[in-house]
Amino acid sequence: MKYRPHRYNTTYPVEVVTPLGSQQAVVLDIHNEGAQLEGLRGMHRSDRLQLRILSLRVDAVVMWATGYRTGILFRPRITNDQVDTLRYRRDARKAARRGSVGFGFVEMR
């Protein structure tokens, strides 16, 4: 039996560049290797996509598509910070601001 990574439920809106043009979708669940999207039309297995997440562009491949739901595989895998962004994790690592001083440990905040 193959290990399946934990999927985090979310409702994160993204813009997706597809072979049919740019479309709006919502990420329903996410992990480092892939995600489930809702709202894409005309997707087929092995289509290449590009998700626009804030200022980043993430490449992906369609693994399955039924109706308006699509399962994608990220190529390459995304980082834990990107997963945290897509699942609206509030205690995710924040980028250090220039000139700011702070503690790196949660206990010190």
Protein backbone atom coordinates (compact mmCIF):
# COMPACT_ATOMS: atom_id res chain seq x y z
CA MET A 1 0.00 0.00 0.00
CA LYS A 2 1.38 3.40 -0.99
CA TYR A 3 1.65 6.18 1.60
CA ARG A 4 -0.61 9.13 0.86
CA PRO A 5 0.46 12.51 2.27
CA HIS A 6 -1.91 14.44 4.53
CA ARG A 7 -4.08 16.92 2.66
CA TYR A 8 -5.01 20.25 4.23
CA ASN A 9 -8.53 21.51 3.51
CA THR A 10 -8.76 25.11 2.36
CA THR A 11 -10.67 27.47 0.07
CA TYR A 12 -7.92 29.56 -1.52
CA PRO A 13 -8.71 31.39 -4.80
CA VAL A 14 -6.03 31.16 -7.51
CA GLU A 15 -5.58 32.14 -11.13
CA VAL A 16 -4.65 29.18 -13.34
CA VAL A 17 -3.10 29.42 -16.80
CA THR A 18 -4.44 26.45 -18.81
CA PRO A 19 -4.19 25.35 -22.45
CA LEU A 20 -7.59 27.05 -22.89
CA GLY A 21 -6.43 30.35 -21.39
CA SER A 22 -6.52 31.91 -17.94
CA GLN A 23 -9.22 30.65 -15.53
CA GLN A 24 -10.17 31.29 -11.91
CA ALA A 25 -10.27 28.33 -9.52
CA VAL A 26 -10.39 27.51 -5.81
CA VAL A 27 -7.91 25.19 -4.09
CA LEU A 28 -9.99 22.70 -2.04
CA ASP A 29 -7.15 20.69 -0.51
CA ILE A 30 -3.38 20.95 -0.67
CA HIS A 31 -0.14 19.13 0.15
CA ASN A 32 3.47 19.39 -1.09
CA GLU A 33 2.95 17.07 -4.05
CA GLY A 34 -0.44 18.17 -5.35
CA ALA A 35 -3.84 19.74 -4.85
CA GLN A 36 -7.51 19.49 -5.72
CA LEU A 37 -8.97 22.45 -7.59
CA GLU A 38 -12.57 23.41 -8.28
CA GLY A 39 -13.80 25.63 -11.08
CA LEU A 40 -11.62 24.64 -14.06
CA ARG A 41 -13.34 23.74 -17.32
CA GLY A 42 -12.10 21.57 -20.17
CA MET A 43 -9.22 19.89 -18.31
CA HIS A 44 -7.81 16.52 -19.40
CA ARG A 45 -5.26 14.17 -17.90
CA SER A 46 -1.64 15.27 -18.62
CA ASP A 47 -2.57 18.92 -19.39
CA ARG A 48 0.08 21.32 -18.11
CA LEU A 49 -1.02 24.19 -15.89
CA GLN A 50 0.55 27.13 -14.12
CA LEU A 51 -0.91 28.43 -10.85
CA ARG A 52 -0.39 32.06 -9.89
CA ILE A 53 -0.06 32.20 -6.12
CA LEU A 54 0.56 35.75 -4.92
CA SER A 55 3.76 36.66 -6.81
CA LEU A 56 4.81 33.05 -7.50
CA ARG A 57 4.10 30.84 -10.47
CA VAL A 58 3.87 27.12 -9.82
CA ASP A 59 3.90 24.50 -12.60
CA ALA A 60 1.59 21.49 -12.37
CA VAL A 61 0.22 18.55 -14.37
CA VAL A 62 -3.42 17.38 -14.37
CA MET A 63 -3.69 13.85 -12.92
CA TRP A 64 -7.49 13.55 -13.07
CA ALA A 65 -10.49 15.70 -13.94
CA THR A 66 -14.22 15.14 -13.33
CA GLY A 67 -16.75 17.89 -13.92
CA TYR A 68 -15.41 21.07 -12.38
CA ARG A 69 -12.95 19.31 -10.03
CA THR A 70 -9.35 18.66 -11.02
CA GLY A 71 -6.48 16.87 -9.27
CA ILE A 72 -3.03 18.26 -10.01
CA LEU A 73 0.56 17.22 -9.31
CA PHE A 74 3.12 19.97 -8.71
CA ARG A 75 6.31 19.83 -10.79
CA PRO A 76 8.56 20.39 -8.85
CA ARG A 77 7.05 19.88 -5.39
CA ILE A 78 6.14 23.06 -3.55
CA THR A 79 7.70 24.11 -0.25
CA ASN A 80 6.10 23.94 3.19
CA ASP A 81 5.88 27.75 3.22
CA GLN A 82 3.87 27.69 -0.01
CA VAL A 83 1.55 25.02 1.42
CA ASP A 84 1.06 27.19 4.52
CA THR A 85 0.18 30.18 2.34
CA LEU A 86 -2.39 28.17 0.37
CA ARG A 87 -4.08 26.84 3.49
CA TYR A 88 -4.24 30.28 5.19
CA ARG A 89 -2.06 29.11 8.06
CA ARG A 90 -1.83 32.05 10.44
CA ASP A 91 1.30 30.95 12.32
CA ALA A 92 3.27 30.28 9.12
CA ARG A 93 6.83 31.54 8.84
CA LYS A 94 6.83 35.20 7.91
CA ALA A 95 9.58 36.85 5.94
CA ALA A 96 11.83 39.08 8.04
CA ARG A 97 11.27 42.75 7.39
CA ARG A 98 14.29 44.88 6.68
CA GLY A 99 15.50 46.58 9.85
CA SER A 100 13.19 44.61 12.14
CA VAL A 101 14.36 42.78 15.21
CA GLY A 102 12.50 39.81 16.58
CA PHE A 103 12.73 36.37 18.05
CA GLY A 104 12.65 33.22 15.93
CA PHE A 105 10.94 31.06 18.53
CA VAL A 106 7.19 31.01 19.09
CA GLU A 107 7.78 30.96 22.86
CA MET A 108 9.55 34.33 22.65
CA ARG A 109 6.75 36.19 20.84
